[in-house]
C-alpha atoms as a PDB file:
ATOM      1  CA  MET A   1       0.000   0.000   0.000  1.00  0.00           C
ATOM      2  CA  GLU A   2       2.918   2.360   0.648  1.00  0.00           C
ATOM      3  CA  PRO A   3       4.089   2.565  -3.025  1.00  0.00           C
ATOM      4  CA  LEU A   4       0.551   3.470  -4.155  1.00  0.00           C
ATOM      5  CA  PHE A   5       0.465   6.240  -1.542  1.00  0.00           C
ATOM      6  CA  TYR A   6       3.708   7.736  -2.883  1.00  0.00           C
ATOM      7  CA  VAL A   7       2.459   7.534  -6.477  1.00  0.00           C
ATOM      8  CA  LEU A   8      -0.740   9.372  -5.486  1.00  0.00           C
ATOM      9  CA  ILE A   9       1.194  12.024  -3.547  1.00  0.00           C
ATOM     10  CA  GLY A  10       3.526  12.485  -6.535  1.00  0.00           C
ATOM     11  CA  ALA A  11       0.592  12.808  -8.933  1.00  0.00           C
ATOM     12  CA  LEU A  12      -1.116  15.371  -6.681  1.00  0.00           C
ATOM     13  CA  LEU A  13       2.113  17.368  -6.380  1.00  0.00           C
ATOM     14  CA  ALA A  14       2.604  17.352 -10.155  1.00  0.00           C
ATOM     15  CA  LEU A  15      -0.994  18.462 -10.683  1.00  0.00           C
ATOM     16  CA  GLY A  16      -0.619  21.194  -8.063  1.00  0.00           C
ATOM     17  CA  ILE A  17       2.614  22.477  -9.611  1.00  0.00           C
ATOM     18  CA  GLY A  18       0.985  22.476 -13.050  1.00  0.00           C
ATOM     19  CA  LEU A  19      -1.982  24.488 -11.784  1.00  0.00           C
ATOM     20  CA  LEU A  20       0.274  26.952  -9.956  1.00  0.00           C
ATOM     21  CA  LYS A  21       2.408  27.402 -13.063  1.00  0.00           C
ATOM     22  CA  ARG A  22      -0.644  28.076 -15.205  1.00  0.00           C
ATOM     23  CA  ARG A  23      -2.155  30.478 -12.687  1.00  0.00           C
ATOM     24  CA  PHE A  24       0.947  32.485 -11.781  1.00  0.00           C
ATOM     25  CA  PHE A  25       3.391  32.103 -14.677  1.00  0.00           C
ATOM     26  CA  GLY A  26       1.459  31.275 -17.849  1.00  0.00           C
ATOM     27  CA  PHE A  27      -0.513  33.125 -20.497  1.00  0.00           C
ATOM     28  CA  LEU A  28      -3.601  33.420 -18.276  1.00  0.00           C
ATOM     29  CA  ALA A  29      -1.574  34.977 -15.453  1.00  0.00           C
ATOM     30  CA  GLN A  30      -0.943  38.198 -17.406  1.00  0.00           C
ATOM     31  CA  LYS A  31      -2.805  41.260 -16.243  1.00  0.00           C
ATOM     32  CA  PRO A  32      -3.192  44.589 -18.052  1.00  0.00           C
ATOM     33  CA  GLU A  33      -1.411  46.401 -15.214  1.00  0.00           C
ATOM     34  CA  ASP A  34       1.684  44.240 -15.870  1.00  0.00           C
ATOM     35  CA  TYR A  35       2.215  46.337 -19.006  1.00  0.00           C
ATOM     36  CA  ALA A  36       1.217  49.810 -17.791  1.00  0.00           C
ATOM     37  CA  ASP A  37       4.794  51.147 -17.949  1.00  0.00           C
ATOM     38  CA  TYR A  38       6.121  48.819 -20.657  1.00  0.00           C
ATOM     39  CA  GLY A  39       7.300  50.003 -24.052  1.00  0.00           C
ATOM     40  CA  PRO A  40       7.803  53.374 -25.669  1.00  0.00           C
ATOM     41  CA  GLU A  41       4.235  53.860 -26.937  1.00  0.00           C
ATOM     42  CA  ALA A  42       0.771  53.212 -25.519  1.00  0.00           C
ATOM     43  CA  PHE A  43      -1.792  51.238 -27.527  1.00  0.00           C
ATOM     44  CA  ASP A  44      -4.551  53.603 -28.650  1.00  0.00           C
ATOM     45  CA  LEU A  45      -7.414  51.638 -30.196  1.00  0.00           C
ATOM     46  CA  LYS A  46      -8.778  54.648 -32.083  1.00  0.00           C
ATOM     47  CA  ARG A  47      -5.399  55.262 -33.688  1.00  0.00           C
ATOM     48  CA  HIS A  48      -3.834  51.810 -34.056  1.00  0.00           C
ATOM     49  CA  LEU A  49      -7.045  49.947 -34.951  1.00  0.00           C
ATOM     50  CA  ASP A  50      -8.382  52.327 -37.569  1.00  0.00           C
ATOM     51  CA  GLY A  51      -8.993  52.120 -41.302  1.00  0.00           C
ATOM     52  CA  PRO A  52      -8.143  49.162 -43.529  1.00  0.00           C
ATOM     53  CA  LEU A  53      -5.947  46.525 -41.869  1.00  0.00           C
ATOM     54  CA  LEU A  54      -4.432  43.253 -43.022  1.00  0.00           C
ATOM     55  CA  CYS A  55      -4.452  40.327 -40.579  1.00  0.00           C
ATOM     56  CA  GLU A  56      -2.404  37.165 -41.151  1.00  0.00           C
ATOM     57  CA  GLY A  57      -2.320  34.249 -38.771  1.00  0.00           C
ATOM     58  CA  VAL A  58      -2.457  30.619 -37.765  1.00  0.00           C
ATOM     59  CA  ILE A  59      -4.658  28.583 -35.450  1.00  0.00           C
ATOM     60  CA  TYR A  60      -3.162  25.806 -33.346  1.00  0.00           C
ATOM     61  CA  GLY A  61      -5.196  22.857 -32.080  1.00  0.00           C
ATOM     62  CA  PRO A  62      -5.071  21.399 -28.563  1.00  0.00           C
ATOM     63  CA  MET A  63      -1.899  19.417 -29.327  1.00  0.00           C
ATOM     64  CA  GLY A  64      -0.001  22.524 -30.463  1.00  0.00           C
ATOM     65  CA  ARG A  65      -0.067  21.755 -34.187  1.00  0.00           C
ATOM     66  CA  ILE A  66      -1.342  24.155 -36.826  1.00  0.00           C
ATOM     67  CA  THR A  67      -4.904  23.334 -37.817  1.00  0.00           C
ATOM     68  CA  SER A  68      -5.599  26.346 -40.014  1.00  0.00           C
ATOM     69  CA  CYS A  69      -4.029  29.438 -41.596  1.00  0.00           C
ATOM     70  CA  PHE A  70      -5.904  32.576 -42.574  1.00  0.00           C
ATOM     71  CA  VAL A  71      -5.715  36.048 -44.031  1.00  0.00           C
ATOM     72  CA  GLY A  72      -8.156  38.696 -42.860  1.00  0.00           C
ATOM     73  CA  ASP A  73      -9.233  42.034 -44.225  1.00  0.00           C
ATOM     74  CA  PHE A  74     -10.413  44.427 -41.531  1.00  0.00           C
ATOM     75  CA  ASP A  75     -12.075  47.795 -41.894  1.00  0.00           C
ATOM     76  CA  VAL A  76     -12.299  49.785 -38.670  1.00  0.00           C
ATOM     77  CA  THR A  77     -14.233  53.034 -38.256  1.00  0.00           C
ATOM     78  CA  TRP A  78     -14.726  55.205 -35.181  1.00  0.00           C
ATOM     79  CA  GLU A  79     -17.322  57.759 -34.206  1.00  0.00           C
ATOM     80  CA  GLY A  80     -16.324  59.232 -30.872  1.00  0.00           C
ATOM     81  CA  ASN A  81     -15.725  56.353 -28.470  1.00  0.00           C
ATOM     82  CA  SER A  82     -17.750  53.859 -30.530  1.00  0.00           C
ATOM     83  CA  GLY A  83     -16.113  51.782 -33.221  1.00  0.00           C
ATOM     84  CA  VAL A  84     -17.023  49.075 -35.691  1.00  0.00           C
ATOM     85  CA  MET A  85     -14.449  46.530 -36.829  1.00  0.00           C
ATOM     86  CA  ALA A  86     -15.687  44.582 -39.866  1.00  0.00           C
ATOM     87  CA  GLU A  87     -13.607  41.435 -40.396  1.00  0.00           C
ATOM     88  CA  THR A  88     -13.505  39.076 -43.375  1.00  0.00           C
ATOM     89  CA  PHE A  89     -11.347  35.980 -42.899  1.00  0.00           C
ATOM     90  CA  ARG A  90     -10.249  33.666 -45.726  1.00  0.00           C
ATOM     91  CA  TYR A  91      -9.016  30.298 -44.456  1.00  0.00           C
ATOM     92  CA  ASP A  92      -6.630  27.886 -46.171  1.00  0.00           C
ATOM     93  CA  ASN A  93      -9.501  25.424 -46.709  1.00  0.00           C
ATOM     94  CA  GLY A  94     -11.417  27.999 -48.787  1.00  0.00           C
ATOM     95  CA  GLU A  95     -13.916  28.967 -46.100  1.00  0.00           C
ATOM     96  CA  VAL A  96     -14.805  32.630 -45.615  1.00  0.00           C
ATOM     97  CA  GLN A  97     -15.969  33.985 -42.252  1.00  0.00           C
ATOM     98  CA  ARG A  98     -17.295  37.446 -41.466  1.00  0.00           C
ATOM     99  CA  ARG A  99     -17.634  39.131 -38.089  1.00  0.00           C
ATOM    100  CA  GLU A 100     -18.488  42.641 -37.037  1.00  0.00           C
ATOM    101  CA  TRP A 101     -17.254  43.836 -33.668  1.00  0.00           C
ATOM    102  CA  ARG A 102     -18.981  46.780 -32.007  1.00  0.00           C
ATOM    103  CA  LEU A 103     -16.463  48.402 -29.669  1.00  0.00           C
ATOM    104  CA  THR A 104     -17.091  50.971 -26.949  1.00  0.00           C
ATOM    105  CA  LEU A 105     -14.256  52.722 -25.135  1.00  0.00           C
ATOM    106  CA  GLU A 106     -15.058  53.460 -21.513  1.00  0.00           C
ATOM    107  CA  ASP A 107     -13.337  55.327 -18.679  1.00  0.00           C
ATOM    108  CA  GLY A 108      -9.835  54.318 -17.612  1.00  0.00           C
ATOM    109  CA  GLY A 109      -9.035  52.396 -20.815  1.00  0.00           C
ATOM    110  CA  ALA A 110     -11.854  49.866 -20.358  1.00  0.00           C
ATOM    111  CA  ILE A 111     -13.389  48.328 -23.488  1.00  0.00           C
ATOM    112  CA  ARG A 112     -16.769  46.727 -24.131  1.00  0.00           C
ATOM    113  CA  ALA A 113     -16.971  44.512 -27.225  1.00  0.00           C
ATOM    114  CA  GLN A 114     -19.949  42.874 -28.870  1.00  0.00           C
ATOM    115  CA  ALA A 115     -20.367  40.639 -31.927  1.00  0.00           C
ATOM    116  CA  ASP A 116     -23.151  38.364 -33.134  1.00  0.00           C
ATOM    117  CA  ASP A 117     -21.191  35.193 -32.260  1.00  0.00           C
ATOM    118  CA  VAL A 118     -20.085  36.505 -28.851  1.00  0.00           C
ATOM    119  CA  VAL A 119     -22.200  35.462 -25.867  1.00  0.00           C
ATOM    120  CA  GLY A 120     -22.881  38.564 -23.756  1.00  0.00           C
ATOM    121  CA  ASP A 121     -20.364  41.414 -23.752  1.00  0.00           C
ATOM    122  CA  GLY A 122     -16.643  41.034 -24.106  1.00  0.00           C
ATOM    123  CA  ARG A 123     -14.697  43.097 -21.597  1.00  0.00           C
ATOM    124  CA  GLY A 124     -11.230  44.443 -22.056  1.00  0.00           C
ATOM    125  CA  GLN A 125      -8.579  46.887 -20.953  1.00  0.00           C
ATOM    126  CA  GLN A 126      -5.967  49.020 -22.710  1.00  0.00           C
ATOM    127  CA  SER A 127      -2.728  49.273 -20.739  1.00  0.00           C
ATOM    128  CA  GLY A 128       0.618  50.469 -22.025  1.00  0.00           C
ATOM    129  CA  PRO A 129       1.307  48.888 -25.419  1.00  0.00           C
ATOM    130  CA  THR A 130      -1.286  46.131 -24.865  1.00  0.00           C
ATOM    131  CA  VAL A 131      -4.977  45.404 -25.053  1.00  0.00           C
ATOM    132  CA  GLN A 132      -6.560  42.455 -23.271  1.00  0.00           C
ATOM    133  CA  LEU A 133     -10.046  41.258 -24.180  1.00  0.00           C
ATOM    134  CA  ARG A 134     -12.017  38.434 -22.567  1.00  0.00           C
ATOM    135  CA  TYR A 135     -15.164  37.043 -24.129  1.00  0.00           C
ATOM    136  CA  ARG A 136     -17.144  33.895 -24.817  1.00  0.00           C
ATOM    137  CA  ILE A 137     -17.478  32.983 -28.477  1.00  0.00           C
ATOM    138  CA  ARG A 138     -19.966  30.572 -30.024  1.00  0.00           C
ATOM    139  CA  LEU A 139     -18.489  28.453 -32.810  1.00  0.00           C
ATOM    140  CA  PRO A 140     -20.537  27.928 -35.993  1.00  0.00           C
ATOM    141  CA  GLU A 141     -22.877  24.926 -35.964  1.00  0.00           C
ATOM    142  CA  GLU A 142     -20.704  23.130 -38.551  1.00  0.00           C
ATOM    143  CA  SER A 143     -17.889  23.356 -35.982  1.00  0.00           C
ATOM    144  CA  GLY A 144     -20.066  21.988 -33.190  1.00  0.00           C
ATOM    145  CA  GLY A 145     -21.663  25.203 -31.892  1.00  0.00           C
ATOM    146  CA  HIS A 146     -19.518  25.058 -28.739  1.00  0.00           C
ATOM    147  CA  VAL A 147     -19.103  28.164 -26.582  1.00  0.00           C
ATOM    148  CA  LEU A 148     -15.445  28.820 -25.792  1.00  0.00           C
ATOM    149  CA  SER A 149     -13.961  31.167 -23.200  1.00  0.00           C
ATOM    150  CA  THR A 150     -11.423  33.399 -24.919  1.00  0.00           C
ATOM    151  CA  VAL A 151      -8.532  35.473 -23.648  1.00  0.00           C
ATOM    152  CA  ASP A 152      -7.223  37.757 -26.358  1.00  0.00           C
ATOM    153  CA  TRP A 153      -4.035  39.842 -26.051  1.00  0.00           C
ATOM    154  CA  MET A 154      -2.848  42.390 -28.583  1.00  0.00           C
ATOM    155  CA  TYR A 155       0.677  43.761 -28.292  1.00  0.00           C
ATOM    156  CA  LEU A 156       1.810  46.886 -30.149  1.00  0.00           C
ATOM    157  CA  ALA A 157       5.221  46.411 -31.786  1.00  0.00           C
ATOM    158  CA  PRO A 158       7.534  49.428 -32.194  1.00  0.00           C
ATOM    159  CA  ASN A 159       6.797  49.634 -35.952  1.00  0.00           C
ATOM    160  CA  GLY A 160       3.015  49.810 -35.396  1.00  0.00           C
ATOM    161  CA  THR A 161       2.299  46.151 -36.196  1.00  0.00           C
ATOM    162  CA  ILE A 162      -0.092  44.522 -33.739  1.00  0.00           C
ATOM    163  CA  VAL A 163       0.744  40.995 -32.599  1.00  0.00           C
ATOM    164  CA  ASN A 164      -2.339  39.094 -31.456  1.00  0.00           C
ATOM    165  CA  ARG A 165      -2.332  35.957 -29.305  1.00  0.00           C
ATOM    166  CA  SER A 166      -5.592  34.336 -28.231  1.00  0.00           C
ATOM    167  CA  GLN A 167      -6.369  31.188 -26.299  1.00  0.00           C
ATOM    168  CA  PHE A 168      -9.719  29.407 -26.457  1.00  0.00           C
ATOM    169  CA  ARG A 169     -10.831  27.163 -23.606  1.00  0.00           C
ATOM    170  CA  LYS A 170     -13.685  24.774 -22.906  1.00  0.00           C
ATOM    171  CA  TYR A 171     -14.165  23.780 -19.248  1.00  0.00           C
ATOM    172  CA  GLY A 172     -10.815  25.456 -18.514  1.00  0.00           C
ATOM    173  CA  ILE A 173      -8.920  23.248 -20.969  1.00  0.00           C
ATOM    174  CA  LYS A 174      -7.135  24.957 -23.861  1.00  0.00           C
ATOM    175  CA  VAL A 175      -8.641  23.705 -27.121  1.00  0.00           C
ATOM    176  CA  ALA A 176      -7.080  26.202 -29.557  1.00  0.00           C
ATOM    177  CA  GLU A 177      -4.662  29.086 -29.805  1.00  0.00           C
ATOM    178  CA  LEU A 178      -4.428  31.826 -32.414  1.00  0.00           C
ATOM    179  CA  VAL A 179      -1.366  33.876 -33.304  1.00  0.00           C
ATOM    180  CA  ALA A 180      -1.727  36.686 -35.838  1.00  0.00           C
ATOM    181  CA  THR A 181      -0.372  40.033 -36.918  1.00  0.00           C
ATOM    182  CA  MET A 182      -2.390  43.092 -37.878  1.00  0.00           C
ATOM    183  CA  ARG A 183      -0.970  45.991 -39.837  1.00  0.00           C
ATOM    184  CA  ARG A 184      -2.160  48.843 -41.960  1.00  0.00           C
ATOM    185  CA  LYS A 185      -2.853  47.901 -45.555  1.00  0.00           C
ATOM    186  CA  ASP A 186      -0.563  49.413 -48.116  1.00  0.00           C
ATOM    187  CA  THR A 187      -2.866  51.934 -49.767  1.00  0.00           C
ATOM    188  CA  THR A 188      -0.455  52.937 -52.539  1.00  0.00           C
END
């Protein structure tokens, strides 16, 4: 009975260390205030997410392998503190997906985000050269119609390119990750 006890204790310790790592040192542990004084320039949604943008990225599945690549055309317009970001994604399998975000900038850098496939309101925060957004997204029926919890981080690079990293979770388990860049379209 003693060896089984040690195996169980070891398994519990490994699980505990894994949970602590995820909570305090991983992607989910980041907070907007961690970046308040980081970088030479603050992320300004109305300036950096404005006009026609090109988005290029990949989606990783739960095992860390690429499951899809895409190119997106965005058109972002602002009227005061309200913005609309129209997105058209073209995936490597030929599928086309459209989404329209309705963004509202609130006091202190807070953001409210809505889209037809988002359950409730997304909530976010601008801080330093970053934007964090948390929301629950409903997948299309052909993809199972699952609702995934999403943590979305955008990081402003010194040249104005936005690097986006998002993780999608179901029951707390990461099921997908997205990495993309967004930059102004060459209008010449």
